[in-house]
């Protein structure tokens, strides 16, 4: 196995672990992948840890409970799950008896999960293709780069042929691990406007038409004021083509909350979440969990009915959850937080007579959502909207997934990427 000691773009275990989870999650939805085996195998260990652990609290789960959580991250085979559990036991992160009746899980913060993920990858699973894509992903976080430029640089760093590096990059684009524009072959990713945001946005503003600039400023200011906006509302108020382009190049994040009868799409700014990280590791799933929780809270306040437990105020509800208390009973708790329950963010249990109670397992997620709400989400704009979307929420889709659904395939983003690269 190759020993990468010449140079590494990533020397922070949390950051590297976050990229392993982010990229591995995308690989998990594919079948028969040609490359990135080490990345895929390690990500399953990290992602499973993420959905079965609670912050600093030893947690007990049945094998059936873990099977449900494992399916949510793409581990569908009980045999594969047992192999991963055996690995986690050997790392002394979980314990169980021969019958797998009860699995005891060590309490871990998200930082701890990321560090364990990196440690496992470095010791047991590192390979050329995985190591390179992890480092390329970090390199293009701040600035888009052409495939040829990256191939030249990484060929020198990793002592591989340029053609080999290009093969890895092209397959990563095919697998949608990396974003690429259609004209110039730029590689970029969803973090491009999380860092040095003000300078990059100003460059773009300087190159927009007066009408586009006015639209962009209005939308951006409204998102900064309210943190969350309804997608249909934005389409009716702002230029849909401009909106599509902003979503495709990740200046704006789109998030979907699904139900059996439809979906609700909410927009957020990537920069809204950067203040909650002590490093550039903003791709860790805690941010997606926070967005999912934020969307569920928004749904409960703006679209739910009183008969099922409409949220009149988030303040006391979130305060109690962050303090470790249970809240309920309400029908909405049984229905609106299913995704967060499966992902190990919340623990939901049925009440004797009706409804459910819930308890927060990942305190940091609740704290992020509380701070964003305190910063000023305003719901008045949505009171006039159709309130008929009153169905069970069972899933959340992150911006990386959503932009491929709602941003037009014909939307060209080369102009924005070239502006960002201009000194």
Protein backbone atom coordinates (compact mmCIF):
# COMPACT_ATOMS: atom_id res chain seq x y z
CA UNK A 1 0.00 0.00 0.00
CA UNK A 2 1.31 3.43 -0.96
CA UNK A 3 2.54 5.62 1.90
CA UNK A 4 1.52 9.25 1.26
CA UNK A 5 4.17 11.24 3.10
CA UNK A 6 5.29 13.65 0.38
CA UNK A 7 2.49 16.10 0.90
CA UNK A 8 -1.12 16.00 2.05
CA UNK A 9 -3.67 18.76 1.63
CA UNK A 10 -5.58 17.37 4.60
CA UNK A 11 -3.72 16.93 7.87
CA UNK A 12 -6.71 17.38 10.16
CA UNK A 13 -8.46 14.15 11.20
CA UNK A 14 -11.89 15.77 11.62
CA UNK A 15 -11.75 17.36 8.19
CA UNK A 16 -10.60 14.15 6.51
CA UNK A 17 -13.27 12.13 8.32
CA UNK A 18 -15.92 14.58 7.23
CA UNK A 19 -14.89 14.19 3.59
CA UNK A 20 -14.90 10.39 3.91
CA UNK A 21 -18.50 10.49 5.15
CA UNK A 22 -19.59 13.06 2.59
CA UNK A 23 -18.11 11.21 -0.40
CA UNK A 24 -18.93 7.76 0.92
CA UNK A 25 -22.58 8.68 1.29
CA UNK A 26 -22.69 9.45 -2.43
CA UNK A 27 -20.93 6.19 -3.27
CA UNK A 28 -23.41 4.24 -1.17
CA UNK A 29 -26.24 4.94 -3.61
CA UNK A 30 -24.26 3.47 -6.52
CA UNK A 31 -23.75 -0.17 -7.42
CA UNK A 32 -20.69 -1.89 -8.90
CA UNK A 33 -18.30 1.01 -8.41
CA UNK A 34 -14.94 0.60 -10.15
CA UNK A 35 -12.83 2.59 -7.67
CA UNK A 36 -12.76 4.16 -4.20
CA UNK A 37 -13.26 0.88 -2.28
CA UNK A 38 -11.42 2.10 0.81
CA UNK A 39 -13.50 5.26 0.90
CA UNK A 40 -16.75 3.32 0.53
CA UNK A 41 -15.92 0.71 3.18
CA UNK A 42 -14.72 3.26 5.73
CA UNK A 43 -17.67 5.59 5.18
CA UNK A 44 -20.10 2.82 6.10
CA UNK A 45 -18.38 2.43 9.44
CA UNK A 46 -18.46 6.18 10.10
CA UNK A 47 -22.02 6.67 8.87
CA UNK A 48 -23.29 3.79 11.01
CA UNK A 49 -21.53 5.24 14.05
CA UNK A 50 -23.23 8.54 13.31
CA UNK A 51 -26.76 7.14 13.40
CA UNK A 52 -26.35 4.85 16.44
CA UNK A 53 -24.40 7.09 18.84
CA UNK A 54 -25.62 9.79 21.21
CA UNK A 55 -23.50 12.65 22.53
CA UNK A 56 -21.38 11.33 25.42
CA UNK A 57 -24.17 8.93 26.41
CA UNK A 58 -23.80 5.16 26.38
CA UNK A 59 -26.72 3.92 24.30
CA UNK A 60 -28.36 0.49 24.02
CA UNK A 61 -30.10 -0.62 20.81
CA UNK A 62 -31.58 -3.86 19.54
CA UNK A 63 -30.24 -5.42 16.35
CA UNK A 64 -33.60 -4.69 14.66
CA UNK A 65 -33.31 -1.00 15.56
CA UNK A 66 -29.80 -0.87 14.14
CA UNK A 67 -30.96 -2.64 10.95
CA UNK A 68 -33.49 0.14 10.31
CA UNK A 69 -30.88 2.84 10.88
CA UNK A 70 -28.35 0.99 8.71
CA UNK A 71 -30.78 0.84 5.78
CA UNK A 72 -31.11 4.63 5.90
CA UNK A 73 -27.39 4.93 5.03
CA UNK A 74 -27.35 2.23 2.34
CA UNK A 75 -26.41 -0.86 4.38
CA UNK A 76 -29.20 -3.22 3.34
CA UNK A 77 -27.59 -6.63 3.84
CA UNK A 78 -27.78 -8.10 7.38
CA UNK A 79 -24.56 -9.98 6.60
CA UNK A 80 -22.72 -6.77 5.71
CA UNK A 81 -24.14 -5.08 8.81
CA UNK A 82 -22.84 -7.88 11.04
CA UNK A 83 -19.37 -7.54 9.49
CA UNK A 84 -19.37 -3.78 10.20
CA UNK A 85 -20.59 -4.34 13.76
CA UNK A 86 -17.76 -6.83 14.26
CA UNK A 87 -15.28 -4.17 13.11
CA UNK A 88 -16.78 -1.63 15.51
CA UNK A 89 -16.56 -4.12 18.36
CA UNK A 90 -12.90 -4.80 17.58
CA UNK A 91 -12.33 -1.02 17.82
CA UNK A 92 -14.06 -1.09 21.24
CA UNK A 93 -16.72 1.39 20.10
CA UNK A 94 -19.61 -1.02 20.66
CA UNK A 95 -20.19 -4.27 22.55
CA UNK A 96 -22.68 -7.12 22.22
CA UNK A 97 -23.15 -10.79 23.08
CA UNK A 98 -23.13 -13.72 20.65
CA UNK A 99 -26.88 -13.46 20.02
CA UNK A 100 -26.77 -9.76 19.04
CA UNK A 101 -29.85 -9.13 21.19
CA UNK A 102 -28.58 -5.88 22.65
CA UNK A 103 -25.84 -3.67 21.26
CA UNK A 104 -24.24 -1.20 23.67
CA UNK A 105 -22.85 1.86 21.87
CA UNK A 106 -20.18 4.14 23.29
CA UNK A 107 -21.23 7.80 23.50
CA UNK A 108 -19.42 9.91 20.88
CA UNK A 109 -19.63 13.51 19.72
CA UNK A 110 -19.51 14.15 15.99
CA UNK A 111 -15.85 15.18 16.29
CA UNK A 112 -15.10 11.80 17.86
CA UNK A 113 -16.88 9.97 15.04
CA UNK A 114 -14.88 11.86 12.41
CA UNK A 115 -11.57 11.10 14.12
CA UNK A 116 -12.38 7.37 14.45
CA UNK A 117 -13.42 7.29 10.78
CA UNK A 118 -10.10 8.79 9.67
CA UNK A 119 -8.12 6.49 11.94
CA UNK A 120 -9.81 3.42 10.46
CA UNK A 121 -9.26 4.63 6.89
CA UNK A 122 -5.56 5.40 7.46
CA UNK A 123 -4.86 2.08 9.13
CA UNK A 124 -7.02 -0.39 7.20
CA UNK A 125 -8.53 1.04 4.02
CA UNK A 126 -6.30 3.63 2.34
CA UNK A 127 -5.87 3.31 -1.44
CA UNK A 128 -4.64 5.59 -4.24
CA UNK A 129 -8.00 6.48 -5.75
CA UNK A 130 -9.71 7.20 -2.40
CA UNK A 131 -6.85 9.26 -0.98
CA UNK A 132 -6.63 11.38 -4.10
CA UNK A 133 -10.37 12.13 -4.34
CA UNK A 134 -10.53 13.07 -0.66
CA UNK A 135 -7.69 15.56 -1.13
CA UNK A 136 -9.01 16.90 -4.45
CA UNK A 137 -12.38 17.52 -2.78
CA UNK A 138 -10.72 19.69 -0.17
CA UNK A 139 -8.56 21.49 -2.75
CA UNK A 140 -11.56 22.64 -4.82
CA UNK A 141 -13.52 23.76 -1.76
CA UNK A 142 -12.23 27.32 -2.05
CA UNK A 143 -11.62 27.61 -5.78
CA UNK A 144 -12.80 25.76 -8.91
CA UNK A 145 -9.97 24.16 -10.90
CA UNK A 146 -9.77 22.47 -14.30
CA UNK A 147 -9.27 18.72 -14.43
CA UNK A 148 -5.97 19.10 -16.32
CA UNK A 149 -4.55 21.50 -13.72
CA UNK A 150 -5.37 19.13 -10.88
CA UNK A 151 -4.03 16.10 -12.78
CA UNK A 152 -0.67 17.83 -13.28
CA UNK A 153 -0.33 18.82 -9.64
CA UNK A 154 -1.48 15.54 -8.12
CA UNK A 155 0.67 13.52 -10.51
CA UNK A 156 3.72 15.17 -8.90
CA UNK A 157 2.41 14.83 -5.35
CA UNK A 158 1.37 11.18 -5.50
CA UNK A 159 3.96 10.02 -8.03
CA UNK A 160 1.38 8.61 -10.42
CA UNK A 161 0.94 9.11 -14.16
CA UNK A 162 -1.13 12.11 -15.16
CA UNK A 163 -3.49 9.81 -17.09
CA UNK A 164 -4.12 7.79 -13.92
CA UNK A 165 -5.11 10.91 -11.98
CA UNK A 166 -7.40 12.04 -14.83
CA UNK A 167 -9.07 8.62 -14.82
CA UNK A 168 -9.83 8.96 -11.09
CA UNK A 169 -11.19 12.49 -11.57
CA UNK A 170 -13.40 11.61 -14.55
CA UNK A 171 -14.88 8.62 -12.74
CA UNK A 172 -15.47 10.80 -9.65
CA UNK A 173 -17.42 13.23 -11.86
CA UNK A 174 -19.37 10.32 -13.37
CA UNK A 175 -20.21 9.09 -9.86
CA UNK A 176 -21.18 12.69 -8.90
CA UNK A 177 -18.57 12.82 -6.14
CA UNK A 178 -17.31 16.05 -7.73
CA UNK A 179 -19.25 18.75 -9.56
CA UNK A 180 -18.16 19.73 -13.07
CA UNK A 181 -19.38 22.38 -15.50
CA UNK A 182 -20.20 21.47 -19.09
CA UNK A 183 -17.96 23.90 -20.95
CA UNK A 184 -14.52 24.32 -19.39
CA UNK A 185 -14.18 21.15 -17.29
CA UNK A 186 -14.03 23.03 -13.98
CA UNK A 187 -14.29 20.91 -10.85
CA UNK A 188 -16.03 22.44 -7.84
CA UNK A 189 -18.13 21.33 -4.86
CA UNK A 190 -20.84 22.47 -2.49
CA UNK A 191 -18.45 24.27 -0.14
CA UNK A 192 -17.27 26.84 -2.66
CA UNK A 193 -19.35 29.68 -1.15
CA UNK A 194 -18.95 28.69 2.50
CA UNK A 195 -15.53 30.30 2.80
CA UNK A 196 -14.30 33.70 1.66
CA UNK A 197 -17.94 34.22 0.73
CA UNK A 198 -18.02 38.04 0.74
CA UNK A 199 -15.16 38.44 -1.75
CA UNK A 200 -16.54 35.81 -4.13
CA UNK A 201 -20.10 37.16 -4.01
CA UNK A 202 -18.84 40.69 -4.69
CA UNK A 203 -17.00 39.44 -7.79
CA UNK A 204 -20.20 37.87 -9.08
CA UNK A 205 -22.26 40.99 -8.35
CA UNK A 206 -19.77 43.09 -10.33
CA UNK A 207 -20.35 40.89 -13.39
CA UNK A 208 -24.15 40.55 -13.30
CA UNK A 209 -26.56 42.65 -15.34
CA UNK A 210 -28.30 45.42 -13.34
CA UNK A 211 -31.55 43.40 -13.22
CA UNK A 212 -29.77 40.21 -12.10
CA UNK A 213 -27.82 42.15 -9.48
CA UNK A 214 -30.98 43.67 -8.04
CA UNK A 215 -32.70 40.24 -7.90
CA UNK A 216 -29.66 38.58 -6.35
CA UNK A 217 -29.26 41.23 -3.66
CA UNK A 218 -32.95 41.10 -2.70
CA UNK A 219 -32.94 37.31 -2.44
CA UNK A 220 -29.65 37.19 -0.55
CA UNK A 221 -30.76 39.86 1.93
CA UNK A 222 -34.07 38.12 2.54
CA UNK A 223 -32.29 34.81 3.21
CA UNK A 224 -29.85 36.50 5.58
CA UNK A 225 -32.77 38.04 7.47
CA UNK A 226 -34.92 34.92 7.74
CA UNK A 227 -32.40 32.04 7.33
CA UNK A 228 -35.05 29.83 5.66
CA UNK A 229 -37.33 30.63 2.70
CA UNK A 230 -39.95 28.54 0.92
CA UNK A 231 -38.81 27.55 -2.59
CA UNK A 232 -42.22 28.06 -4.25
CA UNK A 233 -42.44 31.48 -2.66
CA UNK A 234 -38.99 32.38 -4.06
CA UNK A 235 -39.88 31.11 -7.56
CA UNK A 236 -42.92 33.37 -7.58
CA UNK A 237 -40.97 36.41 -6.41
CA UNK A 238 -37.57 36.01 -8.11
CA UNK A 239 -36.29 35.09 -11.58
CA UNK A 240 -36.52 31.24 -11.79
CA UNK A 241 -33.54 31.00 -14.18
CA UNK A 242 -31.30 32.99 -11.86
CA UNK A 243 -32.56 30.93 -8.91
CA UNK A 244 -31.71 27.69 -10.74
CA UNK A 245 -28.18 28.89 -11.49
CA UNK A 246 -27.58 30.01 -7.89
CA UNK A 247 -28.72 26.61 -6.61
CA UNK A 248 -26.66 24.65 -9.13
CA UNK A 249 -23.42 26.42 -8.23
CA UNK A 250 -24.20 26.19 -4.48
CA UNK A 251 -24.56 29.90 -3.72
CA UNK A 252 -27.93 28.89 -2.28
CA UNK A 253 -28.76 25.51 -0.71
CA UNK A 254 -32.09 23.79 -1.40
CA UNK A 255 -33.42 21.26 1.14
CA UNK A 256 -36.40 18.91 0.71
CA UNK A 257 -38.68 17.53 3.41
CA UNK A 258 -40.66 14.61 1.93
CA UNK A 259 -44.06 13.14 2.73
CA UNK A 260 -46.13 10.37 1.10
CA UNK A 261 -48.20 13.02 -0.69
CA UNK A 262 -45.68 15.63 -1.73
CA UNK A 263 -42.58 17.55 -0.82
CA UNK A 264 -41.72 20.91 0.69
CA UNK A 265 -38.53 22.64 -0.49
CA UNK A 266 -36.77 25.19 1.70
CA UNK A 267 -33.81 27.41 0.79
CA UNK A 268 -30.91 28.32 3.08
CA UNK A 269 -27.55 30.06 2.68
CA UNK A 270 -24.42 27.87 3.03
CA UNK A 271 -22.75 30.65 4.98
CA UNK A 272 -25.46 30.48 7.66
CA UNK A 273 -23.81 27.32 9.00
CA UNK A 274 -20.10 28.17 8.75
CA UNK A 275 -19.99 29.84 12.18
CA UNK A 276 -20.75 26.51 13.84
CA UNK A 277 -17.50 24.84 12.81
CA UNK A 278 -14.04 25.36 14.28
CA UNK A 279 -12.43 24.24 11.01
CA UNK A 280 -13.28 23.89 7.32
CA UNK A 281 -15.01 20.57 8.04
CA UNK A 282 -18.43 21.98 7.22
CA UNK A 283 -19.27 19.03 5.00
CA UNK A 284 -19.93 16.81 8.02
CA UNK A 285 -23.46 15.52 8.29
CA UNK A 286 -24.21 17.49 11.45
CA UNK A 287 -25.00 20.44 9.18
CA UNK A 288 -27.45 18.35 7.15
CA UNK A 289 -29.04 17.13 10.39
CA UNK A 290 -29.36 20.75 11.52
CA UNK A 291 -30.98 21.72 8.21
CA UNK A 292 -33.38 18.79 8.48
CA UNK A 293 -34.28 19.77 12.04
CA UNK A 294 -34.65 23.41 11.02
CA UNK A 295 -36.94 22.40 8.14
CA UNK A 296 -39.05 20.24 10.46
CA UNK A 297 -39.37 23.09 12.97
CA UNK A 298 -40.30 25.46 10.15
CA UNK A 299 -42.87 22.97 8.88
CA UNK A 300 -44.36 22.61 12.36
CA UNK A 301 -44.72 26.37 12.75
CA UNK A 302 -45.85 27.37 9.26
CA UNK A 303 -47.73 24.45 7.71
CA UNK A 304 -48.92 22.06 10.44
CA UNK A 305 -52.40 22.17 12.05
CA UNK A 306 -53.18 22.61 15.76
CA UNK A 307 -55.02 19.27 15.83
CA UNK A 308 -51.77 17.35 15.35
CA UNK A 309 -49.51 19.56 17.49
CA UNK A 310 -48.74 22.79 15.61
CA UNK A 311 -45.65 24.55 16.97
CA UNK A 312 -46.58 28.02 18.18
CA UNK A 313 -43.08 28.74 19.45
CA UNK A 314 -39.76 26.98 19.06
CA UNK A 315 -38.12 28.61 22.08
CA UNK A 316 -39.32 26.49 25.00
CA UNK A 317 -39.46 23.29 22.91
CA UNK A 318 -35.82 23.52 21.82
CA UNK A 319 -34.64 24.74 25.22
CA UNK A 320 -36.14 21.67 26.90
CA UNK A 321 -34.65 19.34 24.28
CA UNK A 322 -31.17 20.89 24.57
CA UNK A 323 -31.38 20.55 28.36
CA UNK A 324 -31.97 16.81 27.95
CA UNK A 325 -35.72 16.79 28.73
CA UNK A 326 -38.41 14.85 26.87
CA UNK A 327 -41.23 16.76 25.20
CA UNK A 328 -44.71 15.61 24.13
CA UNK A 329 -47.21 14.03 23.78
CA UNK A 330 -48.24 15.07 20.24
CA UNK A 331 -49.22 13.36 16.99
CA UNK A 332 -46.82 15.57 15.03
CA UNK A 333 -43.86 14.14 16.95
CA UNK A 334 -44.75 10.65 15.69
CA UNK A 335 -44.86 11.88 12.09
CA UNK A 336 -42.64 14.92 11.46
CA UNK A 337 -39.36 13.75 12.93
CA UNK A 338 -39.04 10.26 11.45
CA UNK A 339 -35.91 11.10 9.44
CA UNK A 340 -34.20 12.58 12.51
CA UNK A 341 -35.23 9.56 14.58
CA UNK A 342 -33.72 7.09 12.09
CA UNK A 343 -30.55 9.19 11.86
CA UNK A 344 -30.09 9.05 15.63
CA UNK A 345 -30.66 12.76 16.24
CA UNK A 346 -33.84 12.22 18.25
CA UNK A 347 -35.28 9.38 20.32
CA UNK A 348 -39.06 9.07 19.79
CA UNK A 349 -41.36 6.88 21.90
CA UNK A 350 -45.12 6.40 21.90
CA UNK A 351 -47.27 7.74 24.71
CA UNK A 352 -49.82 5.42 26.40
CA UNK A 353 -52.95 7.17 25.06
CA UNK A 354 -52.01 9.16 21.96
CA UNK A 355 -49.09 10.77 20.20
CA UNK A 356 -45.38 10.51 20.95
CA UNK A 357 -42.64 12.05 23.05
CA UNK A 358 -39.13 12.85 21.88
CA UNK A 359 -35.69 13.44 23.39
CA UNK A 360 -32.65 15.00 21.71
CA UNK A 361 -29.65 12.64 21.35
CA UNK A 362 -27.30 14.98 19.47
CA UNK A 363 -27.20 18.18 21.51
CA UNK A 364 -24.98 20.07 19.04
CA UNK A 365 -27.66 19.76 16.33
CA UNK A 366 -30.28 21.33 18.59
CA UNK A 367 -27.90 24.13 19.57
CA UNK A 368 -27.22 25.02 15.92
CA UNK A 369 -30.94 25.15 15.10
CA UNK A 370 -31.72 27.22 18.20
CA UNK A 371 -29.04 29.78 17.31
CA UNK A 372 -30.30 30.07 13.73
CA UNK A 373 -33.86 30.59 14.95
CA UNK A 374 -32.69 33.16 17.48
CA UNK A 375 -30.93 35.01 14.67
CA UNK A 376 -34.28 35.78 13.14
CA UNK A 377 -36.40 33.41 11.09
CA UNK A 378 -39.64 35.26 10.34
CA UNK A 379 -42.74 33.35 9.29
CA UNK A 380 -45.11 36.19 8.42
CA UNK A 381 -44.40 35.88 4.68
CA UNK A 382 -45.82 32.36 4.66
CA UNK A 383 -49.07 32.90 6.57
CA UNK A 384 -50.83 33.79 3.30
CA UNK A 385 -49.69 30.58 1.62
CA UNK A 386 -51.57 27.35 1.07
CA UNK A 387 -51.64 25.38 4.33
CA UNK A 388 -52.83 22.12 2.73
CA UNK A 389 -49.41 20.45 2.84
CA UNK A 390 -50.30 18.71 6.11
CA UNK A 391 -48.87 15.23 5.74
CA UNK A 392 -46.37 13.00 7.48
CA UNK A 393 -42.74 13.99 7.08
CA UNK A 394 -40.60 10.91 6.63
CA UNK A 395 -37.45 12.00 4.84
CA UNK A 396 -35.02 14.86 4.28
CA UNK A 397 -32.85 15.43 1.21
CA UNK A 398 -29.67 17.48 1.41
CA UNK A 399 -28.64 20.30 -0.96
CA UNK A 400 -26.23 18.04 -2.90
CA UNK A 401 -29.18 15.79 -3.78
CA UNK A 402 -31.82 18.45 -4.27
CA UNK A 403 -29.90 20.67 -6.68
CA UNK A 404 -29.77 17.80 -9.19
CA UNK A 405 -33.58 17.64 -9.05
CA UNK A 406 -34.56 21.27 -9.30
CA UNK A 407 -31.65 23.01 -11.07
CA UNK A 408 -32.09 22.77 -14.82
CA UNK A 409 -29.62 20.53 -16.67
CA UNK A 410 -29.31 23.32 -19.24
CA UNK A 411 -28.28 25.85 -16.62
CA UNK A 412 -24.70 26.88 -17.43
CA UNK A 413 -22.51 27.91 -14.51
CA UNK A 414 -19.16 28.38 -16.31
CA UNK A 415 -19.52 32.17 -16.18
CA UNK A 416 -19.86 32.16 -12.37
CA UNK A 417 -16.95 29.73 -11.92
CA UNK A 418 -14.68 31.82 -14.15
CA UNK A 419 -15.62 34.97 -12.21
CA UNK A 420 -14.68 33.27 -8.93
CA UNK A 421 -11.27 32.29 -10.36
CA UNK A 422 -10.50 35.83 -11.55
CA UNK A 423 -8.05 37.72 -9.35
